[in-house]
Amino acid sequence: MSAKGLFTRGFTEGEVKQIQATAKKMLLEGKTLMSWNDGSTSVSKQFAMPVADVLDECAYALRYFEKQAQTSGTSDHPASLSHVAWRLPL
């Protein structure tokens, strides 16, 4: 999968790093799919996106934030604003 920039809008750099850390932890622990069964009840939980896609999106977003920080002088801008709005003076 090629990253689509899903985490470049509405997420801060810190939030993307947190998502990335959670995905890495689950991948390393083999918890990309968790299930529980007590005989009569069965429950499964899976990432909303495959872990590989989450990590790809995180890497893309972090590169995006790094590029934005180099051009704007800030590293944790509000990603939910448009490209123009966050550059305008207050």
N, C-alpha and C. Protein backbone atom coordinates (compact mmCIF):
# COMPACT_ATOMS: atom_id res chain seq x y z
N MET A 1 0.84 -1.19 0.00
CA MET A 1 0.00 0.00 0.00
C MET A 1 0.87 1.24 0.00
N SER A 2 0.45 2.22 -0.72
CA SER A 2 1.13 3.50 -0.72
C SER A 2 0.38 4.43 0.22
N ALA A 3 1.12 5.15 1.05
CA ALA A 3 0.49 6.05 2.03
C ALA A 3 -0.33 7.11 1.31
N LYS A 4 -1.46 7.46 1.92
CA LYS A 4 -2.37 8.45 1.34
C LYS A 4 -2.37 9.76 2.11
N GLY A 5 -1.61 9.84 3.19
CA GLY A 5 -1.59 11.05 3.98
C GLY A 5 -2.75 11.14 4.95
N LEU A 6 -3.29 9.99 5.36
CA LEU A 6 -4.46 9.98 6.23
C LEU A 6 -4.21 10.66 7.57
N PHE A 7 -2.99 10.62 8.07
CA PHE A 7 -2.68 11.17 9.38
C PHE A 7 -2.09 12.58 9.32
N THR A 8 -2.13 13.23 8.15
CA THR A 8 -1.59 14.58 8.05
C THR A 8 -2.63 15.65 8.35
N ARG A 9 -3.88 15.27 8.45
CA ARG A 9 -4.97 16.19 8.77
C ARG A 9 -5.64 15.72 10.05
N GLY A 10 -5.82 16.61 10.99
CA GLY A 10 -6.54 16.27 12.20
C GLY A 10 -5.70 15.59 13.27
N PHE A 11 -4.43 15.37 13.00
CA PHE A 11 -3.54 14.76 13.97
C PHE A 11 -2.31 15.64 14.15
N THR A 12 -1.81 15.71 15.37
CA THR A 12 -0.55 16.41 15.60
C THR A 12 0.59 15.43 15.42
N GLU A 13 1.79 15.94 15.33
CA GLU A 13 2.97 15.08 15.21
C GLU A 13 3.06 14.13 16.41
N GLY A 14 2.77 14.65 17.59
CA GLY A 14 2.81 13.83 18.80
C GLY A 14 1.80 12.69 18.77
N GLU A 15 0.61 12.96 18.25
CA GLU A 15 -0.41 11.92 18.15
C GLU A 15 0.01 10.83 17.17
N VAL A 16 0.62 11.24 16.05
CA VAL A 16 1.07 10.26 15.07
C VAL A 16 2.17 9.38 15.67
N LYS A 17 3.08 9.99 16.44
CA LYS A 17 4.12 9.20 17.10
C LYS A 17 3.52 8.23 18.10
N GLN A 18 2.46 8.63 18.78
CA GLN A 18 1.79 7.74 19.73
C GLN A 18 1.12 6.57 18.99
N ILE A 19 0.47 6.84 17.87
CA ILE A 19 -0.15 5.79 17.06
C ILE A 19 0.93 4.82 16.56
N GLN A 20 2.03 5.39 16.11
CA GLN A 20 3.13 4.57 15.60
C GLN A 20 3.69 3.67 16.71
N ALA A 21 3.87 4.22 17.90
CA ALA A 21 4.39 3.43 19.01
C ALA A 21 3.44 2.30 19.38
N THR A 22 2.13 2.58 19.38
CA THR A 22 1.14 1.55 19.70
C THR A 22 1.15 0.45 18.64
N ALA A 23 1.22 0.84 17.37
CA ALA A 23 1.26 -0.16 16.28
C ALA A 23 2.51 -1.01 16.38
N LYS A 24 3.65 -0.37 16.66
CA LYS A 24 4.90 -1.13 16.79
C LYS A 24 4.82 -2.12 17.94
N LYS A 25 4.28 -1.66 19.07
CA LYS A 25 4.18 -2.52 20.24
C LYS A 25 3.30 -3.74 19.94
N MET A 26 2.16 -3.50 19.31
CA MET A 26 1.26 -4.61 19.00
C MET A 26 1.89 -5.56 17.99
N LEU A 27 2.61 -5.02 17.02
CA LEU A 27 3.27 -5.86 16.02
C LEU A 27 4.34 -6.73 16.68
N LEU A 28 5.16 -6.11 17.54
CA LEU A 28 6.22 -6.85 18.21
C LEU A 28 5.68 -7.91 19.16
N GLU A 29 4.52 -7.66 19.74
CA GLU A 29 3.90 -8.62 20.65
C GLU A 29 3.03 -9.63 19.91
N GLY A 30 2.92 -9.48 18.59
CA GLY A 30 2.08 -10.40 17.82
C GLY A 30 0.60 -10.18 18.07
N LYS A 31 0.20 -8.99 18.43
CA LYS A 31 -1.19 -8.70 18.78
C LYS A 31 -1.92 -7.91 17.70
N THR A 32 -1.70 -8.28 16.45
CA THR A 32 -2.43 -7.60 15.39
C THR A 32 -3.86 -8.11 15.30
N LEU A 33 -4.11 -9.28 15.86
CA LEU A 33 -5.46 -9.82 15.97
C LEU A 33 -5.55 -10.51 17.32
N MET A 34 -6.46 -10.04 18.15
CA MET A 34 -6.63 -10.62 19.48
C MET A 34 -8.00 -11.28 19.55
N SER A 35 -8.08 -12.44 20.19
CA SER A 35 -9.38 -13.07 20.37
C SER A 35 -9.46 -13.68 21.75
N TRP A 36 -10.69 -13.83 22.22
CA TRP A 36 -10.97 -14.39 23.54
C TRP A 36 -12.20 -15.25 23.43
N ASN A 37 -12.17 -16.39 24.10
CA ASN A 37 -13.30 -17.31 24.02
C ASN A 37 -13.47 -17.98 25.38
N ASP A 38 -14.68 -17.93 25.92
CA ASP A 38 -14.95 -18.60 27.20
C ASP A 38 -15.90 -19.79 27.03
N GLY A 39 -16.01 -20.27 25.84
CA GLY A 39 -16.90 -21.40 25.57
C GLY A 39 -18.19 -20.98 24.90
N SER A 40 -18.89 -20.02 25.49
CA SER A 40 -20.15 -19.58 24.89
C SER A 40 -20.04 -18.20 24.25
N THR A 41 -18.99 -17.47 24.59
CA THR A 41 -18.81 -16.12 24.05
C THR A 41 -17.45 -16.03 23.37
N SER A 42 -17.42 -15.43 22.21
CA SER A 42 -16.18 -15.25 21.47
C SER A 42 -16.04 -13.79 21.06
N VAL A 43 -14.88 -13.22 21.29
CA VAL A 43 -14.63 -11.82 20.98
C VAL A 43 -13.32 -11.71 20.22
N SER A 44 -13.30 -10.93 19.16
CA SER A 44 -12.07 -10.66 18.41
C SER A 44 -11.88 -9.17 18.28
N LYS A 45 -10.64 -8.73 18.31
CA LYS A 45 -10.33 -7.30 18.15
C LYS A 45 -9.17 -7.19 17.18
N GLN A 46 -9.29 -6.29 16.23
CA GLN A 46 -8.25 -6.09 15.24
C GLN A 46 -8.09 -4.60 15.00
N PHE A 47 -6.90 -4.19 14.59
CA PHE A 47 -6.68 -2.80 14.22
C PHE A 47 -7.70 -2.38 13.17
N ALA A 48 -8.09 -1.13 13.18
CA ALA A 48 -9.00 -0.61 12.16
C ALA A 48 -8.34 -0.67 10.78
N MET A 49 -7.02 -0.58 10.77
CA MET A 49 -6.23 -0.72 9.54
C MET A 49 -5.18 -1.79 9.81
N PRO A 50 -4.73 -2.49 8.79
CA PRO A 50 -3.63 -3.43 9.00
C PRO A 50 -2.41 -2.68 9.56
N VAL A 51 -1.67 -3.34 10.43
CA VAL A 51 -0.54 -2.69 11.10
C VAL A 51 0.46 -2.12 10.09
N ALA A 52 0.72 -2.85 9.03
CA ALA A 52 1.66 -2.37 8.02
C ALA A 52 1.19 -1.03 7.43
N ASP A 53 -0.10 -0.91 7.19
CA ASP A 53 -0.66 0.33 6.65
C ASP A 53 -0.56 1.46 7.67
N VAL A 54 -0.81 1.15 8.94
CA VAL A 54 -0.70 2.17 10.00
C VAL A 54 0.73 2.69 10.07
N LEU A 55 1.70 1.79 10.05
CA LEU A 55 3.10 2.20 10.12
C LEU A 55 3.50 3.01 8.89
N ASP A 56 3.01 2.62 7.73
CA ASP A 56 3.28 3.36 6.49
C ASP A 56 2.70 4.76 6.56
N GLU A 57 1.45 4.87 7.02
CA GLU A 57 0.80 6.17 7.16
C GLU A 57 1.53 7.04 8.20
N CYS A 58 1.97 6.45 9.29
CA CYS A 58 2.70 7.20 10.32
C CYS A 58 4.00 7.75 9.75
N ALA A 59 4.74 6.91 9.03
CA ALA A 59 6.01 7.35 8.44
C ALA A 59 5.77 8.50 7.47
N TYR A 60 4.73 8.38 6.65
CA TYR A 60 4.39 9.44 5.70
C TYR A 60 4.06 10.74 6.44
N ALA A 61 3.22 10.64 7.47
CA ALA A 61 2.81 11.83 8.22
C ALA A 61 3.99 12.47 8.93
N LEU A 62 4.88 11.68 9.49
CA LEU A 62 6.04 12.25 10.19
C LEU A 62 6.97 12.96 9.21
N ARG A 63 7.12 12.41 8.01
CA ARG A 63 7.92 13.12 6.98
C ARG A 63 7.23 14.43 6.61
N TYR A 64 5.91 14.40 6.50
CA TYR A 64 5.13 15.60 6.18
C TYR A 64 5.33 16.67 7.26
N PHE A 65 5.18 16.27 8.54
CA PHE A 65 5.35 17.22 9.64
C PHE A 65 6.77 17.78 9.68
N GLU A 66 7.75 16.93 9.40
CA GLU A 66 9.14 17.40 9.40
C GLU A 66 9.35 18.45 8.31
N LYS A 67 8.79 18.20 7.14
CA LYS A 67 8.89 19.18 6.03
C LYS A 67 8.20 20.49 6.41
N GLN A 68 7.02 20.39 7.02
CA GLN A 68 6.29 21.58 7.43
C GLN A 68 7.07 22.36 8.50
N ALA A 69 7.71 21.64 9.42
CA ALA A 69 8.48 22.29 10.48
C ALA A 69 9.67 23.04 9.90
N GLN A 70 10.28 22.47 8.88
CA GLN A 70 11.43 23.13 8.26
C GLN A 70 11.03 24.43 7.57
N THR A 71 9.82 24.47 7.02
CA THR A 71 9.38 25.67 6.32
C THR A 71 8.70 26.68 7.23
N SER A 72 8.17 26.22 8.39
CA SER A 72 7.43 27.14 9.24
C SER A 72 8.11 27.46 10.56
N GLY A 73 9.08 26.66 10.95
CA GLY A 73 9.77 26.91 12.21
C GLY A 73 9.08 26.33 13.42
N THR A 74 8.05 25.51 13.24
CA THR A 74 7.38 24.86 14.35
C THR A 74 7.27 23.37 14.06
N SER A 75 7.31 22.54 15.12
CA SER A 75 7.29 21.10 14.89
C SER A 75 5.95 20.45 15.22
N ASP A 76 5.05 21.15 15.91
CA ASP A 76 3.79 20.52 16.30
C ASP A 76 2.61 21.46 15.99
N HIS A 77 2.49 21.80 14.71
CA HIS A 77 1.43 22.72 14.30
C HIS A 77 0.09 22.01 14.31
N PRO A 78 -1.02 22.74 14.38
CA PRO A 78 -2.33 22.10 14.33
C PRO A 78 -2.61 21.58 12.92
N ALA A 79 -2.51 20.29 12.75
CA ALA A 79 -2.64 19.68 11.43
C ALA A 79 -4.04 19.78 10.86
N SER A 80 -5.01 20.12 11.69
CA SER A 80 -6.38 20.18 11.20
C SER A 80 -6.65 21.45 10.40
N LEU A 81 -5.75 22.42 10.44
CA LEU A 81 -5.93 23.65 9.69
C LEU A 81 -5.43 23.48 8.27
N SER A 82 -5.88 24.33 7.38
CA SER A 82 -5.44 24.24 5.99
C SER A 82 -3.99 24.66 5.87
N HIS A 83 -3.40 24.34 4.72
CA HIS A 83 -2.01 24.72 4.49
C HIS A 83 -1.83 26.23 4.57
N VAL A 84 -2.82 26.97 4.14
CA VAL A 84 -2.72 28.42 4.13
C VAL A 84 -3.01 29.01 5.51
N ALA A 85 -4.05 28.54 6.16
CA ALA A 85 -4.51 29.14 7.42
C ALA A 85 -3.44 29.13 8.50
N TRP A 86 -2.69 28.05 8.65
CA TRP A 86 -1.73 28.01 9.74
C TRP A 86 -0.50 28.84 9.47
N ARG A 87 -0.34 29.32 8.23
CA ARG A 87 0.79 30.18 7.89
C ARG A 87 0.44 31.67 8.00
N LEU A 88 -0.83 31.99 8.06
CA LEU A 88 -1.23 33.39 8.12
C LEU A 88 -0.94 33.98 9.50
N PRO A 89 -0.52 35.24 9.56
CA PRO A 89 -0.30 35.88 10.85
C PRO A 89 -1.63 36.09 11.58
N LEU A 90 -1.55 36.10 12.92
CA LEU A 90 -2.78 36.30 13.72
C LEU A 90 -3.19 37.73 13.77
